[in-house]
Amino acid sequence: MYLDFLVKIPEAAGKITYRKRDDSCYVYYEYDRIYDPTRKFTNVKRAMIG
């Protein structure tokens, strides 16, 4: 179910990601990064805000 209203996007440089899928555009906010030294890889925690 999709609601028809606008979401206020935070003013955080480098924390907002836009992803297009089909005809929709999703906005993700990055709230955490965890580095795994054994795999030498960063896991990013994101939440969809719009």
C-alpha atoms as a PDB file:
ATOM      1  CA  MET A   1       0.000   0.000   0.000  1.00  0.00           C
ATOM      2  CA  TYR A   2       1.385   3.400  -0.991  1.00  0.00           C
ATOM      3  CA  LEU A   3       0.360   6.596   0.752  1.00  0.00           C
ATOM      4  CA  ASP A   4      -0.013   9.830  -1.200  1.00  0.00           C
ATOM      5  CA  PHE A   5       1.999  12.439   0.708  1.00  0.00           C
ATOM      6  CA  LEU A   6       5.454  14.024   0.603  1.00  0.00           C
ATOM      7  CA  VAL A   7       8.254  13.093   2.969  1.00  0.00           C
ATOM      8  CA  LYS A   8      10.726  15.696   4.224  1.00  0.00           C
ATOM      9  CA  ILE A   9      14.248  14.668   3.139  1.00  0.00           C
ATOM     10  CA  PRO A  10      17.044  15.426   5.651  1.00  0.00           C
ATOM     11  CA  GLU A  11      19.895  17.784   4.656  1.00  0.00           C
ATOM     12  CA  ALA A  12      22.748  15.321   5.244  1.00  0.00           C
ATOM     13  CA  ALA A  13      25.564  15.264   2.710  1.00  0.00           C
ATOM     14  CA  GLY A  14      26.418  11.733   1.562  1.00  0.00           C
ATOM     15  CA  LYS A  15      23.662  10.099   3.609  1.00  0.00           C
ATOM     16  CA  ILE A  16      20.839  10.109   1.030  1.00  0.00           C
ATOM     17  CA  THR A  17      20.601   7.506  -1.745  1.00  0.00           C
ATOM     18  CA  TYR A  18      18.082   7.447  -4.595  1.00  0.00           C
ATOM     19  CA  ARG A  19      17.192   4.164  -6.301  1.00  0.00           C
ATOM     20  CA  LYS A  20      14.879   3.758  -9.275  1.00  0.00           C
ATOM     21  CA  ARG A  21      12.908   0.578  -9.698  1.00  0.00           C
ATOM     22  CA  ASP A  22      10.439   0.332 -12.580  1.00  0.00           C
ATOM     23  CA  ASP A  23       8.483   3.618 -12.498  1.00  0.00           C
ATOM     24  CA  SER A  24       9.128   4.391  -8.820  1.00  0.00           C
ATOM     25  CA  CYS A  25      11.980   6.239  -7.142  1.00  0.00           C
ATOM     26  CA  TYR A  26      12.929   5.238  -3.592  1.00  0.00           C
ATOM     27  CA  VAL A  27      14.846   7.433  -1.147  1.00  0.00           C
ATOM     28  CA  TYR A  28      17.090   5.759   1.426  1.00  0.00           C
ATOM     29  CA  TYR A  29      18.757   7.347   4.466  1.00  0.00           C
ATOM     30  CA  GLU A  30      22.080   5.869   5.570  1.00  0.00           C
ATOM     31  CA  TYR A  31      22.266   5.767   9.362  1.00  0.00           C
ATOM     32  CA  ASP A  32      25.249   3.517  10.076  1.00  0.00           C
ATOM     33  CA  ARG A  33      28.336   1.878   8.548  1.00  0.00           C
ATOM     34  CA  ILE A  34      30.048  -1.155  10.031  1.00  0.00           C
ATOM     35  CA  TYR A  35      33.472  -2.198   8.739  1.00  0.00           C
ATOM     36  CA  ASP A  36      34.277  -5.930   8.721  1.00  0.00           C
ATOM     37  CA  PRO A  37      38.080  -6.233   8.876  1.00  0.00           C
ATOM     38  CA  THR A  38      38.125  -9.955   8.065  1.00  0.00           C
ATOM     39  CA  ARG A  39      36.256  -9.484   4.766  1.00  0.00           C
ATOM     40  CA  LYS A  40      37.590  -5.940   4.204  1.00  0.00           C
ATOM     41  CA  PHE A  41      34.066  -4.807   3.419  1.00  0.00           C
ATOM     42  CA  THR A  42      31.761  -2.094   4.759  1.00  0.00           C
ATOM     43  CA  ASN A  43      28.164  -3.010   5.584  1.00  0.00           C
ATOM     44  CA  VAL A  44      25.816  -0.063   5.205  1.00  0.00           C
ATOM     45  CA  LYS A  45      22.613   0.230   7.246  1.00  0.00           C
ATOM     46  CA  ARG A  46      19.862   2.096   5.372  1.00  0.00           C
ATOM     47  CA  ALA A  47      16.216   2.872   5.987  1.00  0.00           C
ATOM     48  CA  MET A  48      13.701   3.761   3.289  1.00  0.00           C
ATOM     49  CA  ILE A  49      12.185   7.192   3.935  1.00  0.00           C
ATOM     50  CA  GLY A  50      10.304   7.820   0.722  1.00  0.00           C
END
